[in-house]
Amino acid sequence: MIQNKIRGRAFRLVGLILGIIAVTVGTTSIIFSAVGMHQARLCKSCRKGADYQ
C-alpha cells in the first residue's frame, strides 16, 4: 500500500488563514474610508467642519 503524503499542509493552512485576515482587514479599511469621507463631506457645511478648515 503506497500512501502519498501531501507535504506543506501547514503552509497552506497558514496561507489560507492569512488570506482571510487580509481580505477582512482590506474590506474593513475600505468601509472605514468610505464612512470617513462621508463624514468629512457632511462636516463641510456644519460648524465643526468650519473649525477644522
PDB file of N, CA and C in Angstrom:
ATOM      1  N   MET A   1       0.840  -1.172   0.000  1.00  0.00           N
ATOM      2  CA  MET A   1       0.000   0.000   0.000  1.00  0.00           C
ATOM      3  C   MET A   1       0.893   1.245   0.000  1.00  0.00           C
ATOM      4  N   ILE A   2       0.733   2.064  -0.991  1.00  0.00           N
ATOM      5  CA  ILE A   2       1.530   3.283  -1.117  1.00  0.00           C
ATOM      6  C   ILE A   2       0.670   4.465  -0.674  1.00  0.00           C
ATOM      7  N   GLN A   3       1.212   5.221   0.257  1.00  0.00           N
ATOM      8  CA  GLN A   3       0.495   6.407   0.712  1.00  0.00           C
ATOM      9  C   GLN A   3       1.206   7.640   0.165  1.00  0.00           C
ATOM     10  N   ASN A   4       0.455   8.487  -0.471  1.00  0.00           N
ATOM     11  CA  ASN A   4       1.004   9.756  -0.962  1.00  0.00           C
ATOM     12  C   ASN A   4       0.738  10.822   0.087  1.00  0.00           C
ATOM     13  N   LYS A   5       1.770  11.138   0.841  1.00  0.00           N
ATOM     14  CA  LYS A   5       1.623  12.176   1.852  1.00  0.00           C
ATOM     15  C   LYS A   5       1.731  13.532   1.180  1.00  0.00           C
ATOM     16  N   ILE A   6       0.814  14.381   1.522  1.00  0.00           N
ATOM     17  CA  ILE A   6       0.836  15.735   0.974  1.00  0.00           C
ATOM     18  C   ILE A   6       1.653  16.595   1.924  1.00  0.00           C
ATOM     19  N   ARG A   7       2.739  17.143   1.418  1.00  0.00           N
ATOM     20  CA  ARG A   7       3.599  17.971   2.247  1.00  0.00           C
ATOM     21  C   ARG A   7       3.168  19.430   2.121  1.00  0.00           C
ATOM     22  N   GLY A   8       3.495  20.185   3.122  1.00  0.00           N
ATOM     23  CA  GLY A   8       3.188  21.604   3.104  1.00  0.00           C
ATOM     24  C   GLY A   8       1.783  21.928   3.540  1.00  0.00           C
ATOM     25  N   ARG A   9       1.145  21.009   4.251  1.00  0.00           N
ATOM     26  CA  ARG A   9      -0.230  21.232   4.679  1.00  0.00           C
ATOM     27  C   ARG A   9      -0.322  22.430   5.632  1.00  0.00           C
ATOM     28  N   ALA A  10       0.659  22.554   6.514  1.00  0.00           N
ATOM     29  CA  ALA A  10       0.657  23.669   7.463  1.00  0.00           C
ATOM     30  C   ALA A  10       0.822  25.006   6.741  1.00  0.00           C
ATOM     31  N   PHE A  11       1.671  25.020   5.705  1.00  0.00           N
ATOM     32  CA  PHE A  11       1.868  26.267   4.966  1.00  0.00           C
ATOM     33  C   PHE A  11       0.593  26.674   4.228  1.00  0.00           C
ATOM     34  N   ARG A  12      -0.120  25.699   3.694  1.00  0.00           N
ATOM     35  CA  ARG A  12      -1.374  26.023   3.021  1.00  0.00           C
ATOM     36  C   ARG A  12      -2.416  26.519   3.999  1.00  0.00           C
ATOM     37  N   LEU A  13      -2.448  25.921   5.179  1.00  0.00           N
ATOM     38  CA  LEU A  13      -3.398  26.359   6.202  1.00  0.00           C
ATOM     39  C   LEU A  13      -3.082  27.776   6.667  1.00  0.00           C
ATOM     40  N   VAL A  14      -1.805  28.048   6.910  1.00  0.00           N
ATOM     41  CA  VAL A  14      -1.396  29.392   7.318  1.00  0.00           C
ATOM     42  C   VAL A  14      -1.686  30.397   6.199  1.00  0.00           C
ATOM     43  N   GLY A  15      -1.432  30.013   4.965  1.00  0.00           N
ATOM     44  CA  GLY A  15      -1.730  30.896   3.841  1.00  0.00           C
ATOM     45  C   GLY A  15      -3.212  31.196   3.729  1.00  0.00           C
ATOM     46  N   LEU A  16      -4.044  30.186   3.964  1.00  0.00           N
ATOM     47  CA  LEU A  16      -5.490  30.395   3.921  1.00  0.00           C
ATOM     48  C   LEU A  16      -5.936  31.334   5.032  1.00  0.00           C
ATOM     49  N   ILE A  17      -5.413  31.122   6.230  1.00  0.00           N
ATOM     50  CA  ILE A  17      -5.786  31.982   7.359  1.00  0.00           C
ATOM     51  C   ILE A  17      -5.319  33.413   7.122  1.00  0.00           C
ATOM     52  N   LEU A  18      -4.079  33.581   6.659  1.00  0.00           N
ATOM     53  CA  LEU A  18      -3.579  34.936   6.386  1.00  0.00           C
ATOM     54  C   LEU A  18      -4.347  35.598   5.244  1.00  0.00           C
ATOM     55  N   GLY A  19      -4.754  34.816   4.268  1.00  0.00           N
ATOM     56  CA  GLY A  19      -5.559  35.368   3.178  1.00  0.00           C
ATOM     57  C   GLY A  19      -6.904  35.863   3.665  1.00  0.00           C
ATOM     58  N   ILE A  20      -7.541  35.091   4.531  1.00  0.00           N
ATOM     59  CA  ILE A  20      -8.833  35.507   5.089  1.00  0.00           C
ATOM     60  C   ILE A  20      -8.671  36.771   5.923  1.00  0.00           C
ATOM     61  N   ILE A  21      -7.599  36.826   6.715  1.00  0.00           N
ATOM     62  CA  ILE A  21      -7.348  38.023   7.527  1.00  0.00           C
ATOM     63  C   ILE A  21      -7.100  39.235   6.636  1.00  0.00           C
ATOM     64  N   ALA A  22      -6.334  39.061   5.565  1.00  0.00           N
ATOM     65  CA  ALA A  22      -6.032  40.178   4.658  1.00  0.00           C
ATOM     66  C   ALA A  22      -7.299  40.700   3.987  1.00  0.00           C
ATOM     67  N   VAL A  23      -8.161  39.795   3.566  1.00  0.00           N
ATOM     68  CA  VAL A  23      -9.419  40.226   2.937  1.00  0.00           C
ATOM     69  C   VAL A  23     -10.288  40.965   3.945  1.00  0.00           C
ATOM     70  N   THR A  24     -10.343  40.475   5.162  1.00  0.00           N
ATOM     71  CA  THR A  24     -11.155  41.129   6.197  1.00  0.00           C
ATOM     72  C   THR A  24     -10.623  42.522   6.521  1.00  0.00           C
ATOM     73  N   VAL A  25      -9.316  42.641   6.687  1.00  0.00           N
ATOM     74  CA  VAL A  25      -8.725  43.949   7.008  1.00  0.00           C
ATOM     75  C   VAL A  25      -8.893  44.916   5.836  1.00  0.00           C
ATOM     76  N   GLY A  26      -8.713  44.422   4.617  1.00  0.00           N
ATOM     77  CA  GLY A  26      -8.892  45.282   3.444  1.00  0.00           C
ATOM     78  C   GLY A  26     -10.310  45.791   3.316  1.00  0.00           C
ATOM     79  N   THR A  27     -11.278  44.909   3.525  1.00  0.00           N
ATOM     80  CA  THR A  27     -12.685  45.310   3.444  1.00  0.00           C
ATOM     81  C   THR A  27     -13.029  46.306   4.543  1.00  0.00           C
ATOM     82  N   THR A  28     -12.523  46.056   5.747  1.00  0.00           N
ATOM     83  CA  THR A  28     -12.785  46.972   6.851  1.00  0.00           C
ATOM     84  C   THR A  28     -12.185  48.343   6.590  1.00  0.00           C
ATOM     85  N   SER A  29     -10.982  48.380   6.031  1.00  0.00           N
ATOM     86  CA  SER A  29     -10.358  49.678   5.759  1.00  0.00           C
ATOM     87  C   SER A  29     -11.118  50.444   4.681  1.00  0.00           C
ATOM     88  N   ILE A  30     -11.626  49.749   3.686  1.00  0.00           N
ATOM     89  CA  ILE A  30     -12.420  50.417   2.647  1.00  0.00           C
ATOM     90  C   ILE A  30     -13.704  50.979   3.242  1.00  0.00           C
ATOM     91  N   ILE A  31     -14.342  50.217   4.121  1.00  0.00           N
ATOM     92  CA  ILE A  31     -15.584  50.694   4.747  1.00  0.00           C
ATOM     93  C   ILE A  31     -15.307  51.907   5.618  1.00  0.00           C
ATOM     94  N   PHE A  32     -14.246  51.851   6.443  1.00  0.00           N
ATOM     95  CA  PHE A  32     -13.925  52.998   7.300  1.00  0.00           C
ATOM     96  C   PHE A  32     -13.547  54.219   6.473  1.00  0.00           C
ATOM     97  N   SER A  33     -12.863  54.013   5.366  1.00  0.00           N
ATOM     98  CA  SER A  33     -12.500  55.130   4.500  1.00  0.00           C
ATOM     99  C   SER A  33     -13.743  55.779   3.904  1.00  0.00           C
ATOM    100  N   ALA A  34     -14.676  54.956   3.455  1.00  0.00           N
ATOM    101  CA  ALA A  34     -15.910  55.492   2.873  1.00  0.00           C
ATOM    102  C   ALA A  34     -16.726  56.244   3.915  1.00  0.00           C
ATOM    103  N   VAL A  35     -16.807  55.709   5.127  1.00  0.00           N
ATOM    104  CA  VAL A  35     -17.548  56.392   6.187  1.00  0.00           C
ATOM    105  C   VAL A  35     -16.864  57.708   6.549  1.00  0.00           C
ATOM    106  N   GLY A  36     -15.537  57.707   6.623  1.00  0.00           N
ATOM    107  CA  GLY A  36     -14.804  58.930   6.942  1.00  0.00           C
ATOM    108  C   GLY A  36     -14.967  59.997   5.874  1.00  0.00           C
ATOM    109  N   MET A  37     -14.934  59.579   4.613  1.00  0.00           N
ATOM    110  CA  MET A  37     -15.135  60.544   3.534  1.00  0.00           C
ATOM    111  C   MET A  37     -16.547  61.121   3.573  1.00  0.00           C
ATOM    112  N   HIS A  38     -17.515  60.281   3.910  1.00  0.00           N
ATOM    113  CA  HIS A  38     -18.901  60.755   4.009  1.00  0.00           C
ATOM    114  C   HIS A  38     -19.041  61.747   5.156  1.00  0.00           C
ATOM    115  N   GLN A  39     -18.420  61.454   6.294  1.00  0.00           N
ATOM    116  CA  GLN A  39     -18.481  62.375   7.429  1.00  0.00           C
ATOM    117  C   GLN A  39     -17.780  63.697   7.100  1.00  0.00           C
ATOM    118  N   ALA A  40     -16.661  63.613   6.388  1.00  0.00           N
ATOM    119  CA  ALA A  40     -15.946  64.838   6.020  1.00  0.00           C
ATOM    120  C   ALA A  40     -16.793  65.685   5.074  1.00  0.00           C
ATOM    121  N   ARG A  41     -17.522  65.035   4.193  1.00  0.00           N
ATOM    122  CA  ARG A  41     -18.390  65.774   3.275  1.00  0.00           C
ATOM    123  C   ARG A  41     -19.533  66.433   4.032  1.00  0.00           C
ATOM    124  N   LEU A  42     -20.072  65.752   5.028  1.00  0.00           N
ATOM    125  CA  LEU A  42     -21.159  66.327   5.826  1.00  0.00           C
ATOM    126  C   LEU A  42     -20.664  67.498   6.660  1.00  0.00           C
ATOM    127  N   CYS A  43     -19.424  67.439   7.131  1.00  0.00           N
ATOM    128  CA  CYS A  43     -18.921  68.474   8.030  1.00  0.00           C
ATOM    129  C   CYS A  43     -18.476  69.738   7.301  1.00  0.00           C
ATOM    130  N   LYS A  44     -18.482  69.728   5.978  1.00  0.00           N
ATOM    131  CA  LYS A  44     -18.103  70.953   5.268  1.00  0.00           C
ATOM    132  C   LYS A  44     -19.092  72.082   5.555  1.00  0.00           C
ATOM    133  N   SER A  45     -20.344  71.722   5.760  1.00  0.00           N
ATOM    134  CA  SER A  45     -21.361  72.754   5.971  1.00  0.00           C
ATOM    135  C   SER A  45     -21.694  72.942   7.448  1.00  0.00           C
ATOM    136  N   CYS A  46     -21.225  72.084   8.328  1.00  0.00           N
ATOM    137  CA  CYS A  46     -21.556  72.247   9.742  1.00  0.00           C
ATOM    138  C   CYS A  46     -20.500  73.083  10.448  1.00  0.00           C
ATOM    139  N   ARG A  47     -20.801  73.464  11.670  1.00  0.00           N
ATOM    140  CA  ARG A  47     -19.901  74.331  12.421  1.00  0.00           C
ATOM    141  C   ARG A  47     -18.579  73.648  12.721  1.00  0.00           C
ATOM    142  N   LYS A  48     -18.613  72.358  13.030  1.00  0.00           N
ATOM    143  CA  LYS A  48     -17.394  71.626  13.358  1.00  0.00           C
ATOM    144  C   LYS A  48     -16.470  71.570  12.147  1.00  0.00           C
ATOM    145  N   GLY A  49     -17.026  71.418  10.956  1.00  0.00           N
ATOM    146  CA  GLY A  49     -16.216  71.386   9.748  1.00  0.00           C
ATOM    147  C   GLY A  49     -15.534  72.710   9.489  1.00  0.00           C
ATOM    148  N   ALA A  50     -16.201  73.801   9.821  1.00  0.00           N
ATOM    149  CA  ALA A  50     -15.603  75.114   9.643  1.00  0.00           C
ATOM    150  C   ALA A  50     -14.427  75.331  10.598  1.00  0.00           C
ATOM    151  N   ASP A  51     -14.518  74.727  11.778  1.00  0.00           N
ATOM    152  CA  ASP A  51     -13.404  74.836  12.731  1.00  0.00           C
ATOM    153  C   ASP A  51     -12.170  74.110  12.229  1.00  0.00           C
ATOM    154  N   TYR A  52     -12.334  73.016  11.548  1.00  0.00           N
ATOM    155  CA  TYR A  52     -11.187  72.215  11.083  1.00  0.00           C
ATOM    156  C   TYR A  52     -10.589  72.757   9.796  1.00  0.00           C
ATOM    157  N   GLN A  53     -11.308  73.583   9.065  1.00  0.00           N
ATOM    158  CA  GLN A  53     -10.782  74.086   7.801  1.00  0.00           C
ATOM    159  C   GLN A  53      -9.914  75.256   7.995  1.00  0.00           C
TER     160      GLN A  53
END
